Amino acid sequence: MLWPEKPSGVGDMASVGDFRVLSASVPATRVEVSVSCRNLLDRDTFSKSDPICVLYTQGIGSKEWREFGRTEVIDNTLNPDFVRKFIMDYFFEERENLRFDLYDVDSKSPNLSKHDFLGQVFCTLGEIVGSQGSRLEKSIAGIPGKKCGTIILTAEELSCCRDSVLMQFCANKLDKKDFFGKSDPFLVFYRSNEDGSFTICHKTEVIKNTLNPVWQAFKISVRALCNGDYDRTIKIEVYDWDRDGSHDFIGEFTTSYRELSRGQSQFNVYEVINPKKKGKKKKYINSGTVTLLSFLIETEVSFLDYIKGGTQINFTVAIDFTASNGNPSQPTSLHYMNPYQLNAYGMALKAVGEIIQDYDTDKMFPALGFGARLPPDGRVSHEFALNGNPQNPYCHGIDGVMEAYYRSLKSVQLYGPTNFAPVINHVARYASSVKDGSQYFVLLIITDGVISDMAQTKESIVNASKLPMSIIIVGVGPAEFDAMEELDGDAIRISSRGKYAERDIVQFQKCQLEFFL
């Protein structure tokens, strides 16, 4: 049984998506926004910048900017063409304000304040869609007295195609580009646009010091590759990687999805042509060949498909009872027991839980706590039942979970540390017993900050990634959530002891109070 990546519907590794929890509007269409930049500000002394683009949106009727997603980081370039796209709902009748911030990444930290700001651009989604060819070019601003370059934004309506393909390529007798060695080749894939331009959609890994590379098989959605148009031109460029970012062009060739779908055959051996060499040398034949080794079509199964097929959703809640949340009797505490309104944990639990409970038929939810001292002996537990019954930790509906949560606050002592692994393993034990696709498990963890058992949690997530379960982490309070972003695995799939997660099963969302009101 193959499970979808995330219950929220977030896109694949080549895209960043969003879901509108509270919007009642019906989107006119979904569009894919691509980002390129030219002549960015160079912030590095001995090399070029390592840019990333961060997209912010404004909620309906709100002036606050919320992070929508991030592209990948591209090393050593002032002219990036980002592979990762932003998948957005386009509402014709609404003004959808966008802000694109550029940064030069200096470390692995997801905290943007630790990186150099390169400038920003404001526009609306309608501006991009309504521009000629749905291509908008704007100057980057934000640093007084500096020319910050330009940003190029393109939008394309997404097809409904849900297929993906698993492909593998090799090359033979590529041109030698390195003086003291062979080439370090990699492939770059582009799909053609209606105006004749091309949009980058994939890069392979670099194979060092060879003229006959065999690249790893990779999976890409048909929407990303050709947007469901089987005859659309796909251009593939071959480069020799250079450390300074000035990669040497070896050559190129074109194909289409329809041609590639023939699989390994004489039709899918391509001559790599360098147009400049071809124009100068009469005896020029090619700069090598690239061969398609395999082509496998996979139909993506959505979470909705499983629900329609009768899959039972089992929802478990785990709440952070560590002392860093503050004394529940004090108004500054995230666990403050205010008789007149919900605290931060209550709001997060109600907002997310009320959505998920609609898919749980019996509405009986195991509710756990972690990081507290329990009566009567003060034993620290990272996996205790909120209702006080470890043999039957089930609560009826989200209201039942809320009652058990507030009752626990009166009986346990907030303590620590913040360990996630026990509650993840708790749900994983149940998920591991289901082999037929009849049940799916969702764990909601609500926490206030820094995780204490990162290594153990990563191992638990990697082990759980092959099981029918997903994890939603909601962060409350003002703390830095760098570790949670890392667990989310959107940019880099997490690993433990050299083993990578089979799926990206973690979704992190920082709680913003107005988001839930």
Protein backbone atom coordinates (compact mmCIF):
# COMPACT_ATOMS: atom_id res chain seq x y z
CA MET A 1 0.00 0.00 0.00
CA LEU A 2 1.47 3.34 -1.08
CA TRP A 3 0.36 6.31 1.00
CA PRO A 4 0.18 9.98 -0.03
CA GLU A 5 2.82 12.35 1.32
CA LYS A 6 0.74 14.53 3.64
CA PRO A 7 -2.90 14.75 4.65
CA SER A 8 -2.92 18.50 4.02
CA GLY A 9 -2.34 18.09 0.32
CA VAL A 10 0.99 19.87 0.25
CA GLY A 11 2.71 19.44 -3.12
CA ASP A 12 5.65 17.32 -4.15
CA MET A 13 9.31 18.18 -3.74
CA ALA A 14 9.15 20.46 -6.77
CA SER A 15 6.35 22.60 -5.43
CA VAL A 16 5.06 24.43 -2.37
CA GLY A 17 1.33 24.43 -1.78
CA ASP A 18 -1.19 25.92 0.62
CA PHE A 19 -4.64 25.04 1.92
CA ARG A 20 -7.20 27.56 3.05
CA VAL A 21 -8.69 26.24 6.27
CA LEU A 22 -11.34 28.88 6.80
CA SER A 23 -12.02 30.25 3.33
CA ALA A 24 -15.48 29.49 1.95
CA SER A 25 -14.57 30.75 -1.51
CA VAL A 26 -14.33 28.35 -4.41
CA PRO A 27 -11.11 28.95 -6.36
CA ALA A 28 -11.52 29.71 -10.03
CA THR A 29 -8.38 27.74 -10.80
CA ARG A 30 -5.02 26.60 -9.45
CA VAL A 31 -1.90 28.18 -10.84
CA GLU A 32 1.79 27.37 -10.59
CA VAL A 33 4.04 30.40 -10.00
CA SER A 34 7.67 30.09 -11.12
CA VAL A 35 10.44 32.42 -9.91
CA SER A 36 13.65 33.50 -11.62
CA CYS A 37 15.98 36.40 -10.78
CA ARG A 38 18.63 38.28 -12.70
CA ASN A 39 21.58 40.35 -11.44
CA LEU A 40 20.95 39.83 -7.74
CA LEU A 41 23.00 41.74 -5.19
CA ASP A 42 26.24 39.90 -4.39
CA ARG A 43 26.65 39.61 -0.62
CA ASP A 44 29.50 37.07 -0.55
CA THR A 45 33.13 38.21 -0.56
CA PHE A 46 34.86 35.28 -2.23
CA SER A 47 31.96 33.82 -4.21
CA LYS A 48 28.48 34.72 -5.43
CA SER A 49 25.31 34.74 -3.34
CA ASP A 50 23.40 31.55 -2.51
CA PRO A 51 19.84 32.81 -3.05
CA ILE A 52 16.48 31.59 -1.78
CA CYS A 53 13.07 33.15 -2.46
CA VAL A 54 10.42 33.29 0.27
CA LEU A 55 6.80 34.00 -0.65
CA TYR A 56 4.41 35.75 1.75
CA THR A 57 0.66 36.20 1.33
CA GLN A 58 -1.97 38.25 3.13
CA GLY A 59 -5.08 36.54 4.50
CA ILE A 60 -8.55 37.61 3.48
CA GLY A 61 -9.27 40.96 5.14
CA SER A 62 -5.89 40.93 6.89
CA LYS A 63 -2.84 43.15 6.50
CA GLU A 64 -0.48 40.68 8.15
CA TRP A 65 1.98 38.85 5.92
CA ARG A 66 2.20 35.09 6.43
CA GLU A 67 4.89 32.88 4.97
CA PHE A 68 3.44 30.74 2.16
CA GLY A 69 6.54 28.80 1.16
CA ARG A 70 10.19 28.82 0.10
CA THR A 71 12.11 27.80 -2.96
CA GLU A 72 15.23 25.70 -2.72
CA VAL A 73 18.63 27.36 -2.20
CA ILE A 74 20.77 27.65 -5.33
CA ASP A 75 24.49 27.91 -4.63
CA ASN A 76 26.81 30.49 -6.08
CA THR A 77 24.67 32.42 -8.56
CA LEU A 78 23.21 35.88 -9.11
CA ASN A 79 20.82 34.59 -11.79
CA PRO A 80 18.82 31.78 -10.21
CA ASP A 81 16.04 29.83 -11.92
CA PHE A 82 14.32 28.15 -8.99
CA VAL A 83 13.04 24.63 -9.57
CA ARG A 84 10.53 24.60 -6.72
CA LYS A 85 7.27 26.31 -7.67
CA PHE A 86 4.45 27.85 -5.65
CA ILE A 87 1.05 26.21 -6.20
CA MET A 88 -1.67 28.76 -5.46
CA ASP A 89 -5.44 29.13 -5.66
CA TYR A 90 -6.35 31.97 -8.02
CA PHE A 91 -9.53 33.83 -7.09
CA PHE A 92 -10.50 36.15 -9.93
CA GLU A 93 -12.79 38.21 -7.69
CA GLU A 94 -10.19 38.77 -4.94
CA ARG A 95 -7.06 40.88 -4.70
CA GLU A 96 -4.39 38.42 -3.61
CA ASN A 97 -1.36 40.37 -2.40
CA LEU A 98 2.03 38.70 -2.67
CA ARG A 99 5.49 39.55 -1.34
CA PHE A 100 8.64 37.87 -2.60
CA ASP A 101 11.69 38.24 -0.32
CA LEU A 102 15.17 37.22 -1.50
CA TYR A 103 17.94 36.12 0.86
CA ASP A 104 21.55 35.02 0.56
CA VAL A 105 21.71 31.84 2.63
CA ASP A 106 24.76 31.65 4.91
CA SER A 107 23.96 28.55 6.99
CA LYS A 108 21.51 25.66 7.31
CA SER A 109 19.32 27.59 9.75
CA PRO A 110 15.71 28.12 8.55
CA ASN A 111 15.65 31.35 10.58
CA LEU A 112 15.70 34.09 7.93
CA SER A 113 17.15 36.69 10.30
CA LYS A 114 20.41 34.73 10.17
CA HIS A 115 20.79 35.30 6.43
CA ASP A 116 21.54 38.37 4.29
CA PHE A 117 18.53 40.19 2.86
CA LEU A 118 18.78 40.73 -0.92
CA GLY A 119 15.57 42.70 -1.50
CA GLN A 120 11.87 42.20 -2.08
CA VAL A 121 9.05 42.64 -4.59
CA PHE A 122 5.35 43.33 -4.02
CA CYS A 123 2.66 42.40 -6.53
CA THR A 124 -0.68 40.62 -6.79
CA LEU A 125 -1.39 37.20 -8.21
CA GLY A 126 -3.70 38.92 -10.67
CA GLU A 127 -0.78 41.05 -11.92
CA ILE A 128 1.19 37.94 -12.78
CA VAL A 129 -1.72 36.10 -14.39
CA GLY A 130 -2.83 39.23 -16.28
CA SER A 131 0.60 40.13 -17.68
CA GLN A 132 1.39 39.33 -21.30
CA GLY A 133 2.08 35.63 -21.46
CA SER A 134 1.39 35.53 -17.69
CA ARG A 135 4.99 36.69 -17.25
CA LEU A 136 5.74 39.62 -14.93
CA GLU A 137 9.17 41.23 -14.60
CA LYS A 138 9.79 43.72 -11.77
CA SER A 139 12.75 45.46 -10.18
CA ILE A 140 13.78 44.17 -6.78
CA ALA A 141 13.82 46.88 -4.09
CA GLY A 142 14.30 47.10 -0.34
CA ILE A 143 17.95 48.11 0.07
CA PRO A 144 18.40 51.91 -0.25
CA GLY A 145 21.02 53.02 -2.75
CA LYS A 146 21.54 49.53 -4.17
CA LYS A 147 20.55 48.00 -7.49
CA CYS A 148 19.05 44.71 -6.40
CA GLY A 149 18.32 43.17 -9.79
CA THR A 150 15.03 41.95 -11.23
CA ILE A 151 12.58 39.16 -10.53
CA ILE A 152 10.73 37.25 -13.25
CA LEU A 153 7.43 35.68 -12.20
CA THR A 154 5.42 33.38 -14.47
CA ALA A 155 2.07 31.74 -13.82
CA GLU A 156 0.46 28.79 -15.54
CA GLU A 157 -2.88 27.15 -14.89
CA LEU A 158 -2.40 23.62 -13.64
CA SER A 159 -3.94 20.66 -15.37
CA CYS A 160 -5.85 18.00 -13.47
CA CYS A 161 -3.33 15.29 -14.38
CA ARG A 162 -2.29 13.33 -11.28
CA ASP A 163 0.23 10.98 -12.87
CA SER A 164 3.92 10.94 -12.01
CA VAL A 165 6.78 9.32 -13.87
CA LEU A 166 9.89 7.59 -12.59
CA MET A 167 12.73 8.08 -15.09
CA GLN A 168 16.40 7.26 -15.31
CA PHE A 169 19.00 8.50 -17.79
CA CYS A 170 22.61 7.78 -18.65
CA ALA A 171 25.05 9.46 -21.05
CA ASN A 172 27.95 8.32 -23.20
CA LYS A 173 31.06 10.06 -24.51
CA LEU A 174 30.19 13.54 -23.27
CA ASP A 175 32.60 16.36 -24.06
CA LYS A 176 35.52 16.71 -21.66
CA LYS A 177 35.33 20.14 -20.00
CA ASP A 178 37.76 19.97 -17.07
CA PHE A 179 41.48 20.63 -17.71
CA PHE A 180 42.81 18.20 -15.10
CA GLY A 181 40.01 15.65 -15.24
CA LYS A 182 36.85 14.62 -16.99
CA SER A 183 33.51 16.40 -16.74
CA ASP A 184 31.16 16.50 -13.73
CA PRO A 185 27.87 16.25 -15.65
CA PHE A 186 24.28 16.93 -14.63
CA LEU A 187 20.99 17.37 -16.52
CA VAL A 188 18.55 20.29 -16.37
CA PHE A 189 14.97 19.78 -17.58
CA TYR A 190 12.75 22.55 -18.94
CA ARG A 191 9.18 22.56 -20.22
CA SER A 192 8.19 24.93 -23.00
CA ASN A 193 5.72 27.77 -22.52
CA GLU A 194 3.15 29.14 -24.96
CA ASP A 195 5.33 32.19 -25.69
CA GLY A 196 8.29 30.02 -26.70
CA SER A 197 10.22 30.46 -23.45
CA PHE A 198 11.15 27.60 -21.15
CA THR A 199 10.55 26.98 -17.43
CA ILE A 200 12.94 24.86 -15.39
CA CYS A 201 11.29 21.83 -13.81
CA HIS A 202 14.05 19.47 -12.63
CA LYS A 203 17.79 19.06 -12.05
CA THR A 204 19.59 15.78 -11.62
CA GLU A 205 22.42 15.23 -9.19
CA VAL A 206 26.02 15.83 -10.31
CA ILE A 207 28.10 12.77 -11.22
CA LYS A 208 31.77 13.57 -10.60
CA ASN A 209 34.66 12.97 -13.00
CA THR A 210 33.09 10.92 -15.80
CA LEU A 211 32.08 11.23 -19.44
CA ASN A 212 29.70 8.27 -19.12
CA PRO A 213 27.44 9.11 -16.17
CA VAL A 214 24.47 7.09 -14.95
CA TRP A 215 22.12 9.34 -12.99
CA GLN A 216 19.83 8.12 -10.25
CA ALA A 217 16.21 7.48 -11.15
CA PHE A 218 13.98 10.40 -10.19
CA LYS A 219 10.26 10.94 -9.81
CA ILE A 220 8.50 13.99 -11.23
CA SER A 221 4.82 14.83 -11.64
CA VAL A 222 3.49 15.02 -15.19
CA ARG A 223 2.11 18.46 -14.29
CA ALA A 224 5.63 19.69 -13.52
CA LEU A 225 7.14 18.04 -16.58
CA CYS A 226 4.61 19.11 -19.23
CA ASN A 227 1.43 20.20 -17.38
CA GLY A 228 -0.43 17.24 -18.84
CA ASP A 229 0.31 18.17 -22.49
CA TYR A 230 1.97 15.04 -23.84
CA ASP A 231 3.23 16.78 -26.99
CA ARG A 232 4.69 19.86 -25.30
CA THR A 233 8.41 20.31 -25.97
CA ILE A 234 10.74 19.28 -23.16
CA LYS A 235 14.27 20.64 -23.41
CA ILE A 236 17.12 18.90 -21.60
CA GLU A 237 20.46 20.66 -21.17
CA VAL A 238 23.69 18.94 -20.16
CA TYR A 239 26.20 20.84 -18.01
CA ASP A 240 29.61 20.29 -16.46
CA TRP A 241 29.39 21.36 -12.83
CA ASP A 242 31.89 23.94 -11.55
CA ARG A 243 32.35 24.86 -7.90
CA ASP A 244 32.12 28.60 -8.60
CA GLY A 245 28.66 28.26 -10.15
CA SER A 246 29.77 29.03 -13.72
CA HIS A 247 28.73 25.62 -15.02
CA ASP A 248 29.97 24.77 -18.53
CA PHE A 249 27.32 24.08 -21.17
CA ILE A 250 27.95 20.75 -22.90
CA GLY A 251 24.89 20.57 -25.12
CA GLU A 252 21.14 20.04 -25.34
CA PHE A 253 18.35 18.07 -26.96
CA THR A 254 14.55 18.16 -27.02
CA THR A 255 11.88 15.53 -26.57
CA SER A 256 8.30 15.24 -25.30
CA TYR A 257 6.37 13.20 -22.80
CA ARG A 258 4.87 11.16 -25.62
CA GLU A 259 8.34 10.29 -26.95
CA LEU A 260 9.68 9.48 -23.50
CA SER A 261 6.70 7.24 -22.75
CA ARG A 262 7.97 4.78 -25.37
CA GLY A 263 10.49 3.78 -22.74
CA GLN A 264 13.94 2.38 -23.37
CA SER A 265 14.29 2.06 -27.13
CA GLN A 266 16.19 3.35 -30.15
CA PHE A 267 13.83 6.34 -30.17
CA ASN A 268 15.03 7.49 -26.78
CA VAL A 269 18.75 7.78 -27.51
CA TYR A 270 19.42 11.50 -27.99
CA GLU A 271 22.36 13.31 -29.53
CA VAL A 272 23.62 16.10 -27.29
CA ILE A 273 24.16 19.13 -29.54
CA ASN A 274 26.13 22.28 -28.75
CA PRO A 275 24.78 24.86 -31.27
CA LYS A 276 27.95 27.02 -31.12
CA LYS A 277 30.22 24.08 -31.89
CA LYS A 278 27.90 22.90 -34.63
CA GLY A 279 28.03 26.33 -36.27
CA LYS A 280 31.84 26.56 -36.12
CA LYS A 281 33.03 23.03 -36.89
CA LYS A 282 32.10 21.32 -40.15
CA LYS A 283 33.06 17.89 -38.83
CA TYR A 284 31.13 18.33 -35.58
CA ILE A 285 28.80 15.39 -34.95
CA ASN A 286 27.67 15.75 -31.35
CA SER A 287 28.87 16.28 -27.78
CA GLY A 288 27.83 12.81 -26.68
CA THR A 289 24.53 10.99 -26.29
CA VAL A 290 21.93 10.69 -23.54
CA THR A 291 19.86 7.52 -23.24
CA LEU A 292 16.59 6.95 -21.40
CA LEU A 293 17.08 3.81 -19.31
CA SER A 294 13.60 3.50 -17.81
CA PHE A 295 10.21 5.24 -17.80
CA LEU A 296 7.50 4.15 -15.36
CA ILE A 297 4.11 5.88 -15.02
CA GLU A 298 2.61 6.06 -11.53
CA THR A 299 -0.89 7.37 -10.84
CA GLU A 300 -0.86 9.50 -7.71
CA VAL A 301 -3.50 8.49 -5.18
CA SER A 302 -4.84 11.39 -3.14
CA PHE A 303 -5.91 11.36 0.47
CA LEU A 304 -9.49 11.88 -0.70
CA ASP A 305 -9.25 8.69 -2.77
CA TYR A 306 -8.51 6.72 0.38
CA ILE A 307 -11.41 8.31 2.25
CA LYS A 308 -13.78 7.58 -0.65
CA GLY A 309 -12.48 4.01 -0.63
CA GLY A 310 -13.58 3.56 2.98
CA THR A 311 -10.32 4.21 4.84
CA GLN A 312 -11.02 4.99 8.50
CA ILE A 313 -9.18 8.03 9.89
CA ASN A 314 -7.92 7.70 13.46
CA PHE A 315 -7.03 11.02 15.11
CA THR A 316 -4.74 11.25 18.18
CA VAL A 317 -3.86 14.43 20.11
CA ALA A 318 -0.62 15.00 22.06
CA ILE A 319 -0.19 18.16 24.15
CA ASP A 320 3.04 19.68 25.52
CA PHE A 321 2.93 19.94 29.34
CA THR A 322 6.51 21.16 29.83
CA ALA A 323 7.37 23.95 32.28
CA SER A 324 8.51 26.29 29.50
CA ASN A 325 4.82 26.99 28.84
CA GLY A 326 4.61 28.92 32.12
CA ASN A 327 2.50 28.48 35.25
CA PRO A 328 -1.13 27.82 34.17
CA SER A 329 -2.36 30.13 36.93
CA GLN A 330 -0.52 33.09 35.39
CA PRO A 331 -1.98 35.11 32.45
CA THR A 332 1.39 34.94 30.64
CA SER A 333 1.21 31.13 30.47
CA LEU A 334 0.31 29.45 27.20
CA HIS A 335 -1.70 27.04 29.40
CA TYR A 336 -3.47 29.87 31.29
CA MET A 337 -6.88 28.68 32.47
CA ASN A 338 -8.91 31.75 31.54
CA PRO A 339 -12.61 31.21 32.35
CA TYR A 340 -13.66 33.59 29.58
CA GLN A 341 -11.64 32.49 26.55
CA LEU A 342 -9.53 29.67 25.17
CA ASN A 343 -5.79 29.70 25.76
CA ALA A 344 -3.28 29.17 22.92
CA TYR A 345 -3.42 25.38 23.22
CA GLY A 346 -7.20 25.38 23.33
CA MET A 347 -7.46 27.52 20.20
CA ALA A 348 -5.00 25.38 18.25
CA LEU A 349 -6.70 22.17 19.38
CA LYS A 350 -10.16 23.41 18.48
CA ALA A 351 -9.19 24.86 15.09
CA VAL A 352 -7.27 21.85 13.78
CA GLY A 353 -9.27 19.21 15.63
CA GLU A 354 -12.66 20.37 14.40
CA ILE A 355 -11.45 19.99 10.82
CA ILE A 356 -9.94 16.55 11.26
CA GLN A 357 -12.76 15.12 13.39
CA ASP A 358 -15.12 15.30 10.41
CA TYR A 359 -13.16 12.42 8.87
CA ASP A 360 -13.17 10.26 12.02
CA THR A 361 -16.43 8.30 12.04
CA ASP A 362 -16.61 7.30 15.71
CA LYS A 363 -15.32 10.68 17.01
CA MET A 364 -13.39 8.87 19.77
CA PHE A 365 -9.93 10.40 20.09
CA PRO A 366 -6.97 9.19 22.18
CA ALA A 367 -5.66 12.30 23.97
CA LEU A 368 -2.13 12.23 25.36
CA GLY A 369 0.16 14.58 27.23
CA PHE A 370 3.94 14.69 27.56
CA GLY A 371 6.52 16.42 29.76
CA ALA A 372 4.59 16.47 33.07
CA ARG A 373 4.95 15.05 36.57
CA LEU A 374 1.97 12.87 37.40
CA PRO A 375 0.27 12.32 40.74
CA PRO A 376 0.63 10.77 43.19
CA ASP A 377 4.40 10.10 43.06
CA GLY A 378 5.61 12.89 40.73
CA ARG A 379 6.74 10.46 38.03
CA VAL A 380 7.69 12.26 34.77
CA SER A 381 5.75 10.94 31.79
CA HIS A 382 6.00 11.64 28.07
CA GLU A 383 2.99 9.53 27.16
CA PHE A 384 0.11 9.91 29.64
CA ALA A 385 -3.65 9.83 29.07
CA LEU A 386 -5.33 13.21 29.56
CA ASN A 387 -8.42 11.49 30.97
CA GLY A 388 -6.31 9.63 33.54
CA ASN A 389 -7.10 6.20 32.09
CA PRO A 390 -4.07 4.73 30.28
CA GLN A 391 -6.06 1.61 29.32
CA ASN A 392 -8.75 3.71 27.64
CA PRO A 393 -7.38 7.19 26.74
CA TYR A 394 -10.27 7.97 24.39
CA CYS A 395 -12.28 11.20 24.58
CA HIS A 396 -15.55 11.82 22.78
CA GLY A 397 -15.10 14.53 20.17
CA ILE A 398 -12.90 17.61 20.39
CA ASP A 399 -15.05 18.94 23.23
CA GLY A 400 -14.21 15.79 25.20
CA VAL A 401 -10.50 16.31 24.49
CA MET A 402 -10.78 19.93 25.68
CA GLU A 403 -12.43 18.82 28.93
CA ALA A 404 -9.72 16.23 29.59
CA TYR A 405 -7.00 18.79 28.76
CA TYR A 406 -8.28 21.39 31.24
CA ARG A 407 -8.83 18.69 33.88
CA SER A 408 -5.22 17.52 33.47
CA LEU A 409 -3.89 21.05 33.96
CA LYS A 410 -5.37 20.99 37.47
CA SER A 411 -3.79 17.67 38.45
CA VAL A 412 -0.33 17.42 36.83
CA GLN A 413 2.82 19.51 37.33
CA LEU A 414 4.40 21.02 34.22
CA TYR A 415 7.95 19.75 33.97
CA GLY A 416 10.07 18.49 31.04
CA PRO A 417 11.95 17.81 28.84
CA THR A 418 10.15 18.16 25.48
CA ASN A 419 10.24 14.64 24.04
CA PHE A 420 8.21 13.80 20.92
CA ALA A 421 9.42 10.25 20.24
CA PRO A 422 7.21 8.49 22.85
CA VAL A 423 3.90 9.83 21.46
CA ILE A 424 5.02 9.21 17.86
CA ASN A 425 5.93 5.64 18.77
CA HIS A 426 2.58 5.29 20.58
CA VAL A 427 0.63 5.98 17.38
CA ALA A 428 3.11 4.04 15.24
CA ARG A 429 2.42 0.88 17.28
CA TYR A 430 -1.21 1.00 16.22
CA ALA A 431 -0.44 2.01 12.63
CA SER A 432 2.03 -0.87 12.22
CA SER A 433 -0.77 -3.39 12.78
CA VAL A 434 -2.71 -2.16 9.73
CA LYS A 435 -1.54 -3.62 6.43
CA ASP A 436 -4.62 -3.46 4.18
CA GLY A 437 -5.24 0.29 3.83
CA SER A 438 -8.40 0.17 5.94
CA GLN A 439 -7.13 2.70 8.49
CA TYR A 440 -4.96 5.82 8.54
CA PHE A 441 -3.60 7.51 11.66
CA VAL A 442 -3.10 11.25 12.19
CA LEU A 443 -1.16 12.53 15.20
CA LEU A 444 -1.60 16.18 16.19
CA ILE A 445 1.24 17.47 18.42
CA ILE A 446 0.80 20.92 19.97
CA THR A 447 4.00 22.34 21.46
CA ASP A 448 5.65 25.58 22.54
CA GLY A 449 9.17 25.19 21.24
CA VAL A 450 12.54 23.52 21.32
CA ILE A 451 12.53 19.73 21.10
CA SER A 452 14.81 17.80 23.48
CA ASP A 453 15.00 14.38 21.81
CA MET A 454 15.73 15.39 18.22
CA ALA A 455 17.73 12.28 17.31
CA GLN A 456 15.13 9.90 18.74
CA THR A 457 12.28 11.86 17.12
CA LYS A 458 13.96 11.73 13.70
CA GLU A 459 14.40 7.98 14.07
CA SER A 460 10.74 7.59 15.05
CA ILE A 461 9.59 9.63 12.05
CA VAL A 462 11.81 7.71 9.63
CA ASN A 463 10.43 4.43 10.98
CA ALA A 464 6.85 5.74 10.83
CA SER A 465 7.21 7.01 7.25
CA LYS A 466 6.46 3.53 5.89
CA LEU A 467 3.30 3.26 8.00
CA PRO A 468 -0.22 4.62 7.33
CA MET A 469 0.24 7.69 9.52
CA SER A 470 0.96 11.41 9.36
CA ILE A 471 1.99 13.97 11.96
CA ILE A 472 0.76 17.55 12.27
CA ILE A 473 2.85 19.75 14.56
CA VAL A 474 1.34 23.07 15.66
CA GLY A 475 3.70 25.51 17.38
CA VAL A 476 2.27 27.97 19.91
CA GLY A 477 3.98 30.91 21.58
CA PRO A 478 6.89 33.16 20.57
CA ALA A 479 9.73 30.59 20.54
CA GLU A 480 11.93 29.79 17.55
CA PHE A 481 10.70 26.69 15.75
CA ASP A 482 13.79 25.89 13.68
CA ALA A 483 13.72 22.22 14.70
CA MET A 484 10.05 21.88 13.71
CA GLU A 485 10.81 23.28 10.26
CA GLU A 486 13.55 20.69 9.94
CA LEU A 487 11.16 17.87 10.88
CA ASP A 488 8.67 19.14 8.28
CA GLY A 489 11.04 17.86 5.61
CA ASP A 490 9.81 20.06 2.75
CA ALA A 491 13.28 21.22 1.77
CA ILE A 492 15.33 18.19 2.82
CA ARG A 493 13.79 14.83 3.60
CA ILE A 494 14.82 13.86 7.11
CA SER A 495 17.08 10.93 7.85
CA SER A 496 18.30 8.93 10.82
CA ARG A 497 21.35 6.66 11.00
CA GLY A 498 21.83 7.04 7.25
CA LYS A 499 18.26 5.99 6.43
CA TYR A 500 15.89 8.48 4.76
CA ALA A 501 12.17 8.76 5.41
CA GLU A 502 10.17 6.94 2.73
CA ARG A 503 7.57 9.74 2.72
CA ASP A 504 7.34 13.26 4.06
CA ILE A 505 4.76 12.62 6.80
CA VAL A 506 5.23 15.75 8.95
CA GLN A 507 3.41 19.06 8.50
CA PHE A 508 4.43 21.97 10.75
CA GLN A 509 2.27 25.07 11.24
CA LYS A 510 3.09 27.91 13.59
CA CYS A 511 -0.07 29.00 15.39
CA GLN A 512 -1.08 32.58 14.71
CA LEU A 513 -4.03 33.50 16.89
CA GLU A 514 -5.90 35.53 14.29
CA PHE A 515 -5.61 32.52 11.96
CA PHE A 516 -7.93 30.63 14.29
CA LEU A 517 -10.35 33.43 15.21
